[in-house]
Amino acid sequence: MMVGSAPVCRSQDAPLPTAPSATDRDHGARNQQQKQTDSSTQPSGEERLFGVLPGYGIVEMGSQPPPLTSGQKFKLAAQYLNLYTFAFVAVEAGVNQARNHPAGYGQGAEGYGKRYGAGLADGLTDGLFVTGLYPSLFHQDPRYYRLGDGGFSHRTGYAITRILVTRQDSGRKAFNFSEILGSFSSAALAVTYYPKEERDFSDLAERAGVQFAFDAGFNVLKEFYPEIGRKIFRRKRK
């Protein structure tokens, strides 16, 4: 009898499962919120344009992620530094080398190196200002919220105008001070490393304008990348 009753005693002594406490539920909610935040600040499988290029900072239609902290905004800006950026800047520097622009950089390996460094610095400083610094100061959301519905003209207009209209961290619409001031700040900083003949106001305005056009074009790409991907690669997004 003693031997037969031992398992029964042990089963009775075993702790019973308890319902999760309010603290545990709070931790779970915070972890879920953190996962949602990470998904909108880091490239994921679904946020790669055409399955290749990092599409960081894209918020899909219908999603309402929590606001970013200042640290997350700078982390988003730092994602500019990736292999695809280095490759793109290398090609851009080669094109400018062939055009001998800016002429003050000269030719040869030294000229190419200066053009490569200038191109990389242009994009990096623009990202830090437009995505990190000014959104933190003005409490604006630097992410792109896809419209994802409507006609081609409507969605194209929406994408292009996001360089003028953005969201506050609170969710309300606002003038995009971060884009405008950020692009001009980056262009102004560039006078420290561009040749002397490329440092007047017209050159500064031209560089800022090029950045506006690039950002607007990239917004259009972010808006339509699922449709473009299906047409080019003949496959649906997974």
C-alpha atoms as a PDB file:
ATOM      1  CA  MET A   1       0.000   0.000   0.000  1.00  0.00           C
ATOM      2  CA  MET A   2       2.802   2.402   0.767  1.00  0.00           C
ATOM      3  CA  VAL A   3       4.425   1.791  -2.619  1.00  0.00           C
ATOM      4  CA  GLY A   4       1.165   2.130  -4.485  1.00  0.00           C
ATOM      5  CA  SER A   5       0.238   5.376  -2.793  1.00  0.00           C
ATOM      6  CA  ALA A   6       3.536   7.161  -3.475  1.00  0.00           C
ATOM      7  CA  PRO A   7       2.651   8.333  -7.015  1.00  0.00           C
ATOM      8  CA  VAL A   8      -0.659   9.610  -5.740  1.00  0.00           C
ATOM      9  CA  CYS A   9       1.064  11.685  -3.107  1.00  0.00           C
ATOM     10  CA  ARG A  10       3.500  13.130  -5.615  1.00  0.00           C
ATOM     11  CA  SER A  11       0.711  14.084  -8.015  1.00  0.00           C
ATOM     12  CA  GLN A  12      -1.118  15.808  -5.222  1.00  0.00           C
ATOM     13  CA  ASP A  13       1.996  17.725  -4.209  1.00  0.00           C
ATOM     14  CA  ALA A  14       2.651  18.956  -7.791  1.00  0.00           C
ATOM     15  CA  PRO A  15       1.783  22.665  -8.247  1.00  0.00           C
ATOM     16  CA  LEU A  16      -1.420  23.362 -10.087  1.00  0.00           C
ATOM     17  CA  PRO A  17      -1.308  25.598 -13.193  1.00  0.00           C
ATOM     18  CA  THR A  18      -2.302  29.139 -12.407  1.00  0.00           C
ATOM     19  CA  ALA A  19      -3.948  31.739 -14.581  1.00  0.00           C
ATOM     20  CA  PRO A  20      -1.611  34.477 -15.870  1.00  0.00           C
ATOM     21  CA  SER A  21      -1.465  37.459 -13.582  1.00  0.00           C
ATOM     22  CA  ALA A  22      -2.200  41.018 -14.622  1.00  0.00           C
ATOM     23  CA  THR A  23       1.553  41.684 -14.588  1.00  0.00           C
ATOM     24  CA  ASP A  24       2.187  38.783 -16.969  1.00  0.00           C
ATOM     25  CA  ARG A  25      -0.535  40.059 -19.300  1.00  0.00           C
ATOM     26  CA  ASP A  26       1.014  43.545 -19.244  1.00  0.00           C
ATOM     27  CA  HIS A  27       4.425  42.090 -20.128  1.00  0.00           C
ATOM     28  CA  GLY A  28       2.859  40.129 -22.971  1.00  0.00           C
ATOM     29  CA  ALA A  29       1.129  43.217 -24.331  1.00  0.00           C
ATOM     30  CA  ARG A  30       4.365  45.202 -24.190  1.00  0.00           C
ATOM     31  CA  ASN A  31       6.266  42.423 -25.961  1.00  0.00           C
ATOM     32  CA  GLN A  32       3.617  42.312 -28.695  1.00  0.00           C
ATOM     33  CA  GLN A  33       3.801  46.085 -29.074  1.00  0.00           C
ATOM     34  CA  GLN A  34       7.590  45.901 -29.305  1.00  0.00           C
ATOM     35  CA  LYS A  35       7.331  43.313 -32.066  1.00  0.00           C
ATOM     36  CA  GLN A  36       4.969  45.586 -34.003  1.00  0.00           C
ATOM     37  CA  THR A  37       7.356  48.504 -33.566  1.00  0.00           C
ATOM     38  CA  ASP A  38      10.354  46.458 -34.669  1.00  0.00           C
ATOM     39  CA  SER A  39       8.488  45.346 -37.788  1.00  0.00           C
ATOM     40  CA  SER A  40       8.095  48.953 -38.905  1.00  0.00           C
ATOM     41  CA  THR A  41      11.661  50.039 -38.101  1.00  0.00           C
ATOM     42  CA  GLN A  42      13.611  47.115 -39.533  1.00  0.00           C
ATOM     43  CA  PRO A  43      13.524  45.510 -42.960  1.00  0.00           C
ATOM     44  CA  SER A  44      11.598  42.263 -42.838  1.00  0.00           C
ATOM     45  CA  GLY A  45      10.825  39.665 -45.462  1.00  0.00           C
ATOM     46  CA  GLU A  46       7.620  41.469 -46.369  1.00  0.00           C
ATOM     47  CA  GLU A  47       9.291  44.873 -46.415  1.00  0.00           C
ATOM     48  CA  ARG A  48      11.812  44.184 -49.151  1.00  0.00           C
ATOM     49  CA  LEU A  49      11.103  45.867 -52.442  1.00  0.00           C
ATOM     50  CA  PHE A  50      10.872  43.124 -55.070  1.00  0.00           C
ATOM     51  CA  GLY A  51      12.231  40.701 -52.446  1.00  0.00           C
ATOM     52  CA  VAL A  52      15.702  42.271 -52.693  1.00  0.00           C
ATOM     53  CA  LEU A  53      16.011  45.946 -51.730  1.00  0.00           C
ATOM     54  CA  PRO A  54      15.463  46.877 -48.080  1.00  0.00           C
ATOM     55  CA  GLY A  55      12.122  48.671 -47.804  1.00  0.00           C
ATOM     56  CA  TYR A  56      12.544  49.923 -44.262  1.00  0.00           C
ATOM     57  CA  GLY A  57      10.087  52.397 -42.820  1.00  0.00           C
ATOM     58  CA  ILE A  58       7.084  51.138 -44.800  1.00  0.00           C
ATOM     59  CA  VAL A  59       3.760  50.836 -42.995  1.00  0.00           C
ATOM     60  CA  GLU A  60       1.269  48.679 -44.828  1.00  0.00           C
ATOM     61  CA  MET A  61      -2.295  49.792 -45.519  1.00  0.00           C
ATOM     62  CA  GLY A  62      -4.536  49.493 -42.482  1.00  0.00           C
ATOM     63  CA  SER A  63      -1.699  49.135 -39.973  1.00  0.00           C
ATOM     64  CA  GLN A  64      -1.499  51.466 -36.988  1.00  0.00           C
ATOM     65  CA  PRO A  65       1.889  50.870 -35.379  1.00  0.00           C
ATOM     66  CA  PRO A  66       2.848  52.678 -32.167  1.00  0.00           C
ATOM     67  CA  PRO A  67       4.874  55.900 -32.473  1.00  0.00           C
ATOM     68  CA  LEU A  68       8.635  55.643 -32.755  1.00  0.00           C
ATOM     69  CA  THR A  69      10.994  56.841 -30.073  1.00  0.00           C
ATOM     70  CA  SER A  70      13.841  59.182 -31.015  1.00  0.00           C
ATOM     71  CA  GLY A  71      16.246  56.268 -30.805  1.00  0.00           C
ATOM     72  CA  GLN A  72      14.151  54.222 -33.222  1.00  0.00           C
ATOM     73  CA  LYS A  73      14.010  57.125 -35.667  1.00  0.00           C
ATOM     74  CA  PHE A  74      17.797  57.369 -35.719  1.00  0.00           C
ATOM     75  CA  LYS A  75      17.992  53.588 -36.015  1.00  0.00           C
ATOM     76  CA  LEU A  76      15.735  53.838 -39.045  1.00  0.00           C
ATOM     77  CA  ALA A  77      18.011  56.510 -40.549  1.00  0.00           C
ATOM     78  CA  ALA A  78      21.092  54.357 -39.979  1.00  0.00           C
ATOM     79  CA  GLN A  79      19.634  51.599 -42.160  1.00  0.00           C
ATOM     80  CA  TYR A  80      20.704  53.720 -45.118  1.00  0.00           C
ATOM     81  CA  LEU A  81      24.061  52.017 -44.658  1.00  0.00           C
ATOM     82  CA  ASN A  82      23.602  48.693 -46.441  1.00  0.00           C
ATOM     83  CA  LEU A  83      25.181  46.814 -49.344  1.00  0.00           C
ATOM     84  CA  TYR A  84      22.646  48.097 -51.851  1.00  0.00           C
ATOM     85  CA  THR A  85      23.416  51.710 -50.929  1.00  0.00           C
ATOM     86  CA  PHE A  86      27.151  51.135 -51.334  1.00  0.00           C
ATOM     87  CA  ALA A  87      26.557  49.569 -54.753  1.00  0.00           C
ATOM     88  CA  PHE A  88      24.206  52.341 -55.884  1.00  0.00           C
ATOM     89  CA  VAL A  89      26.638  55.069 -54.787  1.00  0.00           C
ATOM     90  CA  ALA A  90      29.466  53.269 -56.609  1.00  0.00           C
ATOM     91  CA  VAL A  91      27.482  53.329 -59.855  1.00  0.00           C
ATOM     92  CA  GLU A  92      26.451  56.952 -59.302  1.00  0.00           C
ATOM     93  CA  ALA A  93      30.085  57.945 -58.717  1.00  0.00           C
ATOM     94  CA  GLY A  94      31.078  56.169 -61.922  1.00  0.00           C
ATOM     95  CA  VAL A  95      28.450  58.074 -63.914  1.00  0.00           C
ATOM     96  CA  ASN A  96      29.573  61.387 -62.409  1.00  0.00           C
ATOM     97  CA  GLN A  97      33.190  60.456 -63.157  1.00  0.00           C
ATOM     98  CA  ALA A  98      32.284  59.937 -66.808  1.00  0.00           C
ATOM     99  CA  ARG A  99      30.476  63.307 -66.813  1.00  0.00           C
ATOM    100  CA  ASN A 100      33.412  64.901 -64.961  1.00  0.00           C
ATOM    101  CA  HIS A 101      30.974  66.276 -62.395  1.00  0.00           C
ATOM    102  CA  PRO A 102      31.863  68.035 -60.224  1.00  0.00           C
ATOM    103  CA  ALA A 103      34.857  69.054 -62.319  1.00  0.00           C
ATOM    104  CA  GLY A 104      36.762  70.203 -59.226  1.00  0.00           C
ATOM    105  CA  TYR A 105      37.200  66.602 -58.093  1.00  0.00           C
ATOM    106  CA  GLY A 106      39.337  65.789 -61.118  1.00  0.00           C
ATOM    107  CA  GLN A 107      39.763  62.322 -62.614  1.00  0.00           C
ATOM    108  CA  GLY A 108      41.532  59.106 -61.736  1.00  0.00           C
ATOM    109  CA  ALA A 109      41.155  57.082 -58.557  1.00  0.00           C
ATOM    110  CA  GLU A 110      41.324  60.188 -56.374  1.00  0.00           C
ATOM    111  CA  GLY A 111      38.503  61.879 -58.263  1.00  0.00           C
ATOM    112  CA  TYR A 112      36.383  58.752 -58.132  1.00  0.00           C
ATOM    113  CA  GLY A 113      37.013  58.380 -54.397  1.00  0.00           C
ATOM    114  CA  LYS A 114      35.920  61.965 -53.755  1.00  0.00           C
ATOM    115  CA  ARG A 115      32.746  61.491 -55.789  1.00  0.00           C
ATOM    116  CA  TYR A 116      31.982  58.244 -53.996  1.00  0.00           C
ATOM    117  CA  GLY A 117      32.529  59.827 -50.590  1.00  0.00           C
ATOM    118  CA  ALA A 118      30.404  62.855 -51.479  1.00  0.00           C
ATOM    119  CA  GLY A 119      27.546  60.686 -52.738  1.00  0.00           C
ATOM    120  CA  LEU A 120      27.609  58.505 -49.643  1.00  0.00           C
ATOM    121  CA  ALA A 121      27.742  61.541 -47.358  1.00  0.00           C
ATOM    122  CA  ASP A 122      24.843  63.210 -49.203  1.00  0.00           C
ATOM    123  CA  GLY A 123      22.539  60.261 -48.618  1.00  0.00           C
ATOM    124  CA  LEU A 124      23.665  59.609 -45.056  1.00  0.00           C
ATOM    125  CA  THR A 125      23.304  63.181 -43.844  1.00  0.00           C
ATOM    126  CA  ASP A 126      19.953  63.526 -45.591  1.00  0.00           C
ATOM    127  CA  GLY A 127      18.726  60.394 -43.832  1.00  0.00           C
ATOM    128  CA  LEU A 128      19.982  61.554 -40.448  1.00  0.00           C
ATOM    129  CA  PHE A 129      18.273  64.939 -40.820  1.00  0.00           C
ATOM    130  CA  VAL A 130      15.060  63.830 -42.574  1.00  0.00           C
ATOM    131  CA  THR A 131      14.488  60.563 -40.712  1.00  0.00           C
ATOM    132  CA  GLY A 132      16.278  61.061 -37.398  1.00  0.00           C
ATOM    133  CA  LEU A 133      16.938  64.582 -36.130  1.00  0.00           C
ATOM    134  CA  TYR A 134      14.023  66.696 -37.355  1.00  0.00           C
ATOM    135  CA  PRO A 135      11.343  64.028 -36.802  1.00  0.00           C
ATOM    136  CA  SER A 136      12.593  63.805 -33.215  1.00  0.00           C
ATOM    137  CA  LEU A 137      12.524  67.593 -32.750  1.00  0.00           C
ATOM    138  CA  PHE A 138       9.112  68.088 -34.393  1.00  0.00           C
ATOM    139  CA  HIS A 139       7.598  64.799 -33.151  1.00  0.00           C
ATOM    140  CA  GLN A 140       6.888  63.643 -36.698  1.00  0.00           C
ATOM    141  CA  ASP A 141       6.655  60.110 -38.056  1.00  0.00           C
ATOM    142  CA  PRO A 142       9.304  59.478 -40.779  1.00  0.00           C
ATOM    143  CA  ARG A 143       7.718  56.248 -42.015  1.00  0.00           C
ATOM    144  CA  TYR A 144       5.818  55.909 -45.278  1.00  0.00           C
ATOM    145  CA  TYR A 145       2.181  54.823 -44.873  1.00  0.00           C
ATOM    146  CA  ARG A 146       1.052  53.028 -48.017  1.00  0.00           C
ATOM    147  CA  LEU A 147      -2.340  54.037 -49.348  1.00  0.00           C
ATOM    148  CA  GLY A 148      -2.612  50.724 -51.175  1.00  0.00           C
ATOM    149  CA  ASP A 149      -6.051  51.422 -52.653  1.00  0.00           C
ATOM    150  CA  GLY A 150      -7.460  53.636 -55.396  1.00  0.00           C
ATOM    151  CA  GLY A 151      -6.496  54.579 -58.923  1.00  0.00           C
ATOM    152  CA  PHE A 152      -2.991  55.057 -60.274  1.00  0.00           C
ATOM    153  CA  SER A 153      -3.181  58.861 -60.396  1.00  0.00           C
ATOM    154  CA  HIS A 154      -4.617  59.134 -56.901  1.00  0.00           C
ATOM    155  CA  ARG A 155      -1.979  56.892 -55.358  1.00  0.00           C
ATOM    156  CA  THR A 156       0.858  58.537 -57.307  1.00  0.00           C
ATOM    157  CA  GLY A 157      -0.277  61.970 -56.163  1.00  0.00           C
ATOM    158  CA  TYR A 158      -0.526  60.720 -52.603  1.00  0.00           C
ATOM    159  CA  ALA A 159       3.005  59.268 -52.705  1.00  0.00           C
ATOM    160  CA  ILE A 160       4.591  62.394 -54.187  1.00  0.00           C
ATOM    161  CA  THR A 161       2.865  64.776 -51.786  1.00  0.00           C
ATOM    162  CA  ARG A 162       4.177  62.881 -48.749  1.00  0.00           C
ATOM    163  CA  ILE A 163       7.301  65.015 -49.024  1.00  0.00           C
ATOM    164  CA  LEU A 164       5.014  67.923 -48.057  1.00  0.00           C
ATOM    165  CA  VAL A 165       2.475  66.155 -45.843  1.00  0.00           C
ATOM    166  CA  THR A 166       3.368  63.768 -43.046  1.00  0.00           C
ATOM    167  CA  ARG A 167       2.032  62.503 -39.730  1.00  0.00           C
ATOM    168  CA  GLN A 168       2.783  63.658 -36.241  1.00  0.00           C
ATOM    169  CA  ASP A 169       3.606  60.982 -33.685  1.00  0.00           C
ATOM    170  CA  SER A 170       0.033  61.528 -32.466  1.00  0.00           C
ATOM    171  CA  GLY A 171      -1.287  60.416 -35.873  1.00  0.00           C
ATOM    172  CA  ARG A 172      -2.645  63.745 -37.134  1.00  0.00           C
ATOM    173  CA  LYS A 173      -1.558  65.188 -40.471  1.00  0.00           C
ATOM    174  CA  ALA A 174       1.020  67.992 -40.553  1.00  0.00           C
ATOM    175  CA  PHE A 175       3.332  69.894 -42.879  1.00  0.00           C
ATOM    176  CA  ASN A 176       6.490  67.875 -43.456  1.00  0.00           C
ATOM    177  CA  PHE A 177       9.025  70.182 -41.819  1.00  0.00           C
ATOM    178  CA  SER A 178      11.349  67.201 -41.419  1.00  0.00           C
ATOM    179  CA  GLU A 179      11.649  66.633 -45.177  1.00  0.00           C
ATOM    180  CA  ILE A 180      12.026  70.270 -46.165  1.00  0.00           C
ATOM    181  CA  LEU A 181      14.426  71.348 -43.426  1.00  0.00           C
ATOM    182  CA  GLY A 182      16.278  68.047 -43.530  1.00  0.00           C
ATOM    183  CA  SER A 183      17.013  68.177 -47.251  1.00  0.00           C
ATOM    184  CA  PHE A 184      18.158  71.801 -47.085  1.00  0.00           C
ATOM    185  CA  SER A 185      20.284  71.082 -44.007  1.00  0.00           C
ATOM    186  CA  SER A 186      21.974  68.193 -45.780  1.00  0.00           C
ATOM    187  CA  ALA A 187      22.579  70.321 -48.884  1.00  0.00           C
ATOM    188  CA  ALA A 188      24.005  73.124 -46.726  1.00  0.00           C
ATOM    189  CA  LEU A 189      26.364  70.728 -44.945  1.00  0.00           C
ATOM    190  CA  ALA A 190      27.602  69.501 -48.324  1.00  0.00           C
ATOM    191  CA  VAL A 191      29.352  72.828 -48.964  1.00  0.00           C
ATOM    192  CA  THR A 192      32.051  71.624 -46.561  1.00  0.00           C
ATOM    193  CA  TYR A 193      33.180  68.845 -48.919  1.00  0.00           C
ATOM    194  CA  TYR A 194      32.096  69.947 -52.417  1.00  0.00           C
ATOM    195  CA  PRO A 195      34.519  71.940 -54.635  1.00  0.00           C
ATOM    196  CA  LYS A 196      34.454  75.720 -54.248  1.00  0.00           C
ATOM    197  CA  GLU A 197      32.648  76.215 -57.558  1.00  0.00           C
ATOM    198  CA  GLU A 198      29.772  74.038 -56.222  1.00  0.00           C
ATOM    199  CA  ARG A 199      29.078  76.031 -53.041  1.00  0.00           C
ATOM    200  CA  ASP A 200      26.780  78.907 -53.974  1.00  0.00           C
ATOM    201  CA  PHE A 201      23.080  79.060 -53.162  1.00  0.00           C
ATOM    202  CA  SER A 202      21.970  77.825 -56.581  1.00  0.00           C
ATOM    203  CA  ASP A 203      24.044  74.664 -56.097  1.00  0.00           C
ATOM    204  CA  LEU A 204      22.623  74.208 -52.607  1.00  0.00           C
ATOM    205  CA  ALA A 205      19.063  74.581 -53.914  1.00  0.00           C
ATOM    206  CA  GLU A 206      19.785  72.174 -56.765  1.00  0.00           C
ATOM    207  CA  ARG A 207      21.067  69.486 -54.382  1.00  0.00           C
ATOM    208  CA  ALA A 208      18.039  69.928 -52.131  1.00  0.00           C
ATOM    209  CA  GLY A 209      15.740  69.740 -55.167  1.00  0.00           C
ATOM    210  CA  VAL A 210      17.396  66.532 -56.342  1.00  0.00           C
ATOM    211  CA  GLN A 211      16.846  65.051 -52.897  1.00  0.00           C
ATOM    212  CA  PHE A 212      13.166  66.075 -52.929  1.00  0.00           C
ATOM    213  CA  ALA A 213      12.754  64.409 -56.317  1.00  0.00           C
ATOM    214  CA  PHE A 214      14.568  61.271 -55.165  1.00  0.00           C
ATOM    215  CA  ASP A 215      12.471  60.973 -52.009  1.00  0.00           C
ATOM    216  CA  ALA A 216       9.231  61.550 -53.948  1.00  0.00           C
ATOM    217  CA  GLY A 217      10.224  58.924 -56.501  1.00  0.00           C
ATOM    218  CA  PHE A 218      11.141  56.454 -53.790  1.00  0.00           C
ATOM    219  CA  ASN A 219       7.749  57.057 -52.175  1.00  0.00           C
ATOM    220  CA  VAL A 220       6.081  56.125 -55.459  1.00  0.00           C
ATOM    221  CA  LEU A 221       8.190  52.954 -55.547  1.00  0.00           C
ATOM    222  CA  LYS A 222       7.141  52.117 -51.975  1.00  0.00           C
ATOM    223  CA  GLU A 223       3.503  52.676 -52.877  1.00  0.00           C
ATOM    224  CA  PHE A 224       3.453  50.447 -55.949  1.00  0.00           C
ATOM    225  CA  TYR A 225       6.153  47.874 -55.240  1.00  0.00           C
ATOM    226  CA  PRO A 226       3.720  44.966 -54.676  1.00  0.00           C
ATOM    227  CA  GLU A 227       2.039  45.532 -58.055  1.00  0.00           C
ATOM    228  CA  ILE A 228       5.344  46.146 -59.839  1.00  0.00           C
ATOM    229  CA  GLY A 229       6.806  43.023 -58.290  1.00  0.00           C
ATOM    230  CA  ARG A 230       3.894  40.884 -59.440  1.00  0.00           C
ATOM    231  CA  LYS A 231       4.179  42.169 -62.989  1.00  0.00           C
ATOM    232  CA  ILE A 232       7.954  41.844 -63.205  1.00  0.00           C
ATOM    233  CA  PHE A 233       8.452  38.565 -61.399  1.00  0.00           C
ATOM    234  CA  ARG A 234       5.023  37.067 -62.136  1.00  0.00           C
ATOM    235  CA  ARG A 235       4.461  36.081 -58.554  1.00  0.00           C
ATOM    236  CA  LYS A 236       2.369  37.254 -55.640  1.00  0.00           C
ATOM    237  CA  ARG A 237       3.732  38.596 -52.409  1.00  0.00           C
ATOM    238  CA  LYS A 238       3.879  35.992 -49.695  1.00  0.00           C
END
